[in-house]
Amino acid sequence: MNLSTLSQIEESINQLPVDQQLRLIERVAQHIRGHIVRKDSIEDQLAAMASDPQIQDELRKIDEEFASTETDGLEKV
């Protein structure tokens, strides 16, 4: 979003009565909190998966299965 668009949004918000501006701020804050909670939730789920012994075992099996491809001449990244 460019500066012009942000300025137009700000100008529109400034035309609202104060009570509606506050309501808008609350809704935006709730929206942002929702994104933060979802992100934290996904990161927590990934951490739980990474420490799960069954998943670790499956990853080892996959690693063993594709170990032969490590000699394909390509450099490690």
N, C-alpha and C. Protein backbone atom coordinates (compact mmCIF):
# COMPACT_ATOMS: atom_id res chain seq x y z
N MET A 1 0.85 -1.16 0.00
CA MET A 1 0.00 0.00 0.00
C MET A 1 0.90 1.23 0.00
N ASN A 2 0.61 2.14 -0.89
CA ASN A 2 1.48 3.31 -1.00
C ASN A 2 1.05 4.42 -0.03
N LEU A 3 1.89 5.41 0.09
CA LEU A 3 1.67 6.50 1.05
C LEU A 3 0.40 7.26 0.74
N SER A 4 0.08 7.43 -0.53
CA SER A 4 -1.13 8.15 -0.93
C SER A 4 -2.38 7.43 -0.41
N THR A 5 -2.41 6.12 -0.56
CA THR A 5 -3.55 5.34 -0.08
C THR A 5 -3.68 5.44 1.43
N LEU A 6 -2.56 5.33 2.12
CA LEU A 6 -2.59 5.46 3.58
C LEU A 6 -3.07 6.83 4.01
N SER A 7 -2.65 7.85 3.30
CA SER A 7 -3.09 9.22 3.62
C SER A 7 -4.59 9.36 3.42
N GLN A 8 -5.12 8.75 2.36
CA GLN A 8 -6.56 8.81 2.10
C GLN A 8 -7.33 8.09 3.20
N ILE A 9 -6.81 6.93 3.64
CA ILE A 9 -7.47 6.19 4.73
C ILE A 9 -7.45 7.02 6.00
N GLU A 10 -6.31 7.62 6.30
CA GLU A 10 -6.20 8.44 7.50
C GLU A 10 -7.16 9.62 7.45
N GLU A 11 -7.25 10.25 6.29
CA GLU A 11 -8.17 11.38 6.13
C GLU A 11 -9.61 10.95 6.35
N SER A 12 -9.97 9.78 5.83
CA SER A 12 -11.33 9.26 6.02
C SER A 12 -11.60 8.97 7.49
N ILE A 13 -10.62 8.39 8.16
CA ILE A 13 -10.78 8.08 9.58
C ILE A 13 -10.96 9.36 10.38
N ASN A 14 -10.21 10.39 10.05
CA ASN A 14 -10.31 11.66 10.77
C ASN A 14 -11.68 12.31 10.61
N GLN A 15 -12.41 11.96 9.58
CA GLN A 15 -13.75 12.52 9.36
C GLN A 15 -14.80 11.80 10.21
N LEU A 16 -14.46 10.65 10.76
CA LEU A 16 -15.40 9.91 11.60
C LEU A 16 -15.50 10.57 12.97
N PRO A 17 -16.66 10.41 13.63
CA PRO A 17 -16.76 10.86 15.02
C PRO A 17 -15.79 10.05 15.89
N VAL A 18 -15.38 10.62 17.01
CA VAL A 18 -14.38 9.99 17.87
C VAL A 18 -14.81 8.60 18.32
N ASP A 19 -16.08 8.41 18.65
CA ASP A 19 -16.52 7.10 19.12
C ASP A 19 -16.36 6.04 18.03
N GLN A 20 -16.60 6.42 16.78
CA GLN A 20 -16.43 5.48 15.68
C GLN A 20 -14.95 5.24 15.39
N GLN A 21 -14.11 6.26 15.58
CA GLN A 21 -12.67 6.08 15.43
C GLN A 21 -12.16 5.06 16.46
N LEU A 22 -12.64 5.19 17.70
CA LEU A 22 -12.23 4.25 18.75
C LEU A 22 -12.71 2.83 18.43
N ARG A 23 -13.92 2.71 17.94
CA ARG A 23 -14.45 1.39 17.58
C ARG A 23 -13.61 0.78 16.46
N LEU A 24 -13.22 1.60 15.50
CA LEU A 24 -12.38 1.13 14.41
C LEU A 24 -11.02 0.67 14.92
N ILE A 25 -10.42 1.44 15.81
CA ILE A 25 -9.12 1.07 16.38
C ILE A 25 -9.23 -0.26 17.11
N GLU A 26 -10.31 -0.45 17.87
CA GLU A 26 -10.51 -1.71 18.59
C GLU A 26 -10.62 -2.88 17.63
N ARG A 27 -11.35 -2.69 16.54
CA ARG A 27 -11.51 -3.77 15.57
C ARG A 27 -10.18 -4.11 14.89
N VAL A 28 -9.41 -3.08 14.55
CA VAL A 28 -8.10 -3.32 13.93
C VAL A 28 -7.18 -4.04 14.91
N ALA A 29 -7.20 -3.62 16.18
CA ALA A 29 -6.36 -4.26 17.19
C ALA A 29 -6.75 -5.74 17.35
N GLN A 30 -8.05 -6.03 17.36
CA GLN A 30 -8.51 -7.42 17.47
C GLN A 30 -8.04 -8.23 16.26
N HIS A 31 -8.11 -7.62 15.11
CA HIS A 31 -7.67 -8.30 13.88
C HIS A 31 -6.18 -8.64 13.96
N ILE A 32 -5.38 -7.68 14.40
CA ILE A 32 -3.94 -7.90 14.51
C ILE A 32 -3.65 -8.97 15.55
N ARG A 33 -4.32 -8.90 16.70
CA ARG A 33 -4.12 -9.92 17.75
C ARG A 33 -4.45 -11.31 17.22
N GLY A 34 -5.50 -11.41 16.42
CA GLY A 34 -5.88 -12.69 15.83
C GLY A 34 -4.77 -13.26 14.97
N HIS A 35 -4.12 -12.41 14.19
CA HIS A 35 -3.00 -12.87 13.36
C HIS A 35 -1.83 -13.32 14.22
N ILE A 36 -1.55 -12.59 15.29
CA ILE A 36 -0.44 -12.95 16.17
C ILE A 36 -0.71 -14.29 16.83
N VAL A 37 -1.94 -14.49 17.31
CA VAL A 37 -2.30 -15.75 17.98
C VAL A 37 -2.17 -16.91 17.01
N ARG A 38 -2.66 -16.73 15.78
CA ARG A 38 -2.57 -17.82 14.79
C ARG A 38 -1.11 -18.13 14.47
N LYS A 39 -0.28 -17.10 14.34
CA LYS A 39 1.13 -17.33 14.04
C LYS A 39 1.79 -18.08 15.19
N ASP A 40 1.53 -17.63 16.43
CA ASP A 40 2.11 -18.32 17.59
C ASP A 40 1.62 -19.75 17.65
N SER A 41 0.36 -19.96 17.34
CA SER A 41 -0.21 -21.30 17.38
C SER A 41 0.49 -22.22 16.38
N ILE A 42 0.72 -21.73 15.18
CA ILE A 42 1.39 -22.53 14.16
C ILE A 42 2.82 -22.84 14.59
N GLU A 43 3.51 -21.84 15.14
CA GLU A 43 4.88 -22.06 15.59
C GLU A 43 4.92 -23.07 16.74
N ASP A 44 3.95 -23.00 17.64
CA ASP A 44 3.87 -23.98 18.73
C ASP A 44 3.62 -25.38 18.19
N GLN A 45 2.75 -25.48 17.20
CA GLN A 45 2.46 -26.79 16.60
C GLN A 45 3.70 -27.36 15.91
N LEU A 46 4.45 -26.51 15.21
CA LEU A 46 5.66 -26.97 14.55
C LEU A 46 6.71 -27.42 15.56
N ALA A 47 6.83 -26.68 16.66
CA ALA A 47 7.78 -27.07 17.71
C ALA A 47 7.38 -28.41 18.32
N ALA A 48 6.09 -28.61 18.53
CA ALA A 48 5.62 -29.88 19.09
C ALA A 48 5.89 -31.03 18.12
N MET A 49 5.68 -30.78 16.84
CA MET A 49 5.95 -31.82 15.85
C MET A 49 7.44 -32.15 15.81
N ALA A 50 8.29 -31.13 15.89
CA ALA A 50 9.73 -31.34 15.81
C ALA A 50 10.23 -32.17 16.99
N SER A 51 9.57 -32.07 18.12
CA SER A 51 10.02 -32.82 19.30
C SER A 51 9.30 -34.16 19.46
N ASP A 52 8.37 -34.46 18.57
CA ASP A 52 7.61 -35.71 18.62
C ASP A 52 8.49 -36.87 18.17
N PRO A 53 8.69 -37.90 19.01
CA PRO A 53 9.55 -39.04 18.65
C PRO A 53 9.10 -39.76 17.38
N GLN A 54 7.81 -39.88 17.16
CA GLN A 54 7.32 -40.56 15.95
C GLN A 54 7.68 -39.77 14.70
N ILE A 55 7.56 -38.47 14.77
CA ILE A 55 7.92 -37.64 13.62
C ILE A 55 9.42 -37.68 13.39
N GLN A 56 10.20 -37.63 14.46
CA GLN A 56 11.65 -37.72 14.33
C GLN A 56 12.04 -39.05 13.69
N ASP A 57 11.38 -40.13 14.09
CA ASP A 57 11.66 -41.44 13.51
C ASP A 57 11.33 -41.45 12.02
N GLU A 58 10.19 -40.87 11.67
CA GLU A 58 9.80 -40.81 10.25
C GLU A 58 10.80 -39.98 9.44
N LEU A 59 11.26 -38.88 10.00
CA LEU A 59 12.25 -38.05 9.31
C LEU A 59 13.57 -38.80 9.11
N ARG A 60 13.96 -39.61 10.11
CA ARG A 60 15.16 -40.42 9.96
C ARG A 60 14.99 -41.43 8.82
N LYS A 61 13.82 -42.04 8.74
CA LYS A 61 13.56 -43.00 7.66
C LYS A 61 13.63 -42.32 6.30
N ILE A 62 13.06 -41.15 6.20
CA ILE A 62 13.09 -40.41 4.94
C ILE A 62 14.53 -40.05 4.59
N ASP A 63 15.28 -39.62 5.58
CA ASP A 63 16.68 -39.26 5.37
C ASP A 63 17.47 -40.47 4.87
N GLU A 64 17.23 -41.63 5.47
CA GLU A 64 17.91 -42.85 5.04
C GLU A 64 17.51 -43.22 3.62
N GLU A 65 16.23 -43.07 3.31
CA GLU A 65 15.73 -43.43 1.99
C GLU A 65 16.39 -42.58 0.90
N PHE A 66 16.66 -41.32 1.19
CA PHE A 66 17.22 -40.44 0.19
C PHE A 66 18.72 -40.21 0.36
N ALA A 67 19.37 -40.97 1.22
CA ALA A 67 20.80 -40.81 1.46
C ALA A 67 21.61 -41.02 0.19
N SER A 68 21.16 -41.92 -0.67
CA SER A 68 21.91 -42.20 -1.90
C SER A 68 21.95 -40.99 -2.83
N THR A 69 21.02 -40.10 -2.71
CA THR A 69 20.99 -38.93 -3.59
C THR A 69 22.03 -37.90 -3.18
N GLU A 70 22.63 -38.06 -2.00
CA GLU A 70 23.63 -37.10 -1.55
C GLU A 70 24.93 -37.21 -2.35
N THR A 71 25.06 -38.28 -3.09
CA THR A 71 26.26 -38.46 -3.93
C THR A 71 25.99 -38.07 -5.38
N ASP A 72 25.02 -37.23 -5.61
CA ASP A 72 24.64 -36.85 -6.97
C ASP A 72 25.55 -35.78 -7.55
N GLY A 73 26.53 -35.33 -6.79
CA GLY A 73 27.47 -34.34 -7.29
C GLY A 73 27.08 -32.90 -7.05
N LEU A 74 25.91 -32.70 -6.53
CA LEU A 74 25.48 -31.34 -6.23
C LEU A 74 26.00 -30.93 -4.87
N GLU A 75 26.34 -29.64 -4.75
CA GLU A 75 26.85 -29.14 -3.47
C GLU A 75 25.71 -29.00 -2.47
N LYS A 76 26.07 -29.14 -1.19
CA LYS A 76 25.07 -28.92 -0.15
C LYS A 76 24.79 -27.43 -0.05
N VAL A 77 23.57 -27.11 0.24
CA VAL A 77 23.16 -25.71 0.38
C VAL A 77 23.23 -25.29 1.81
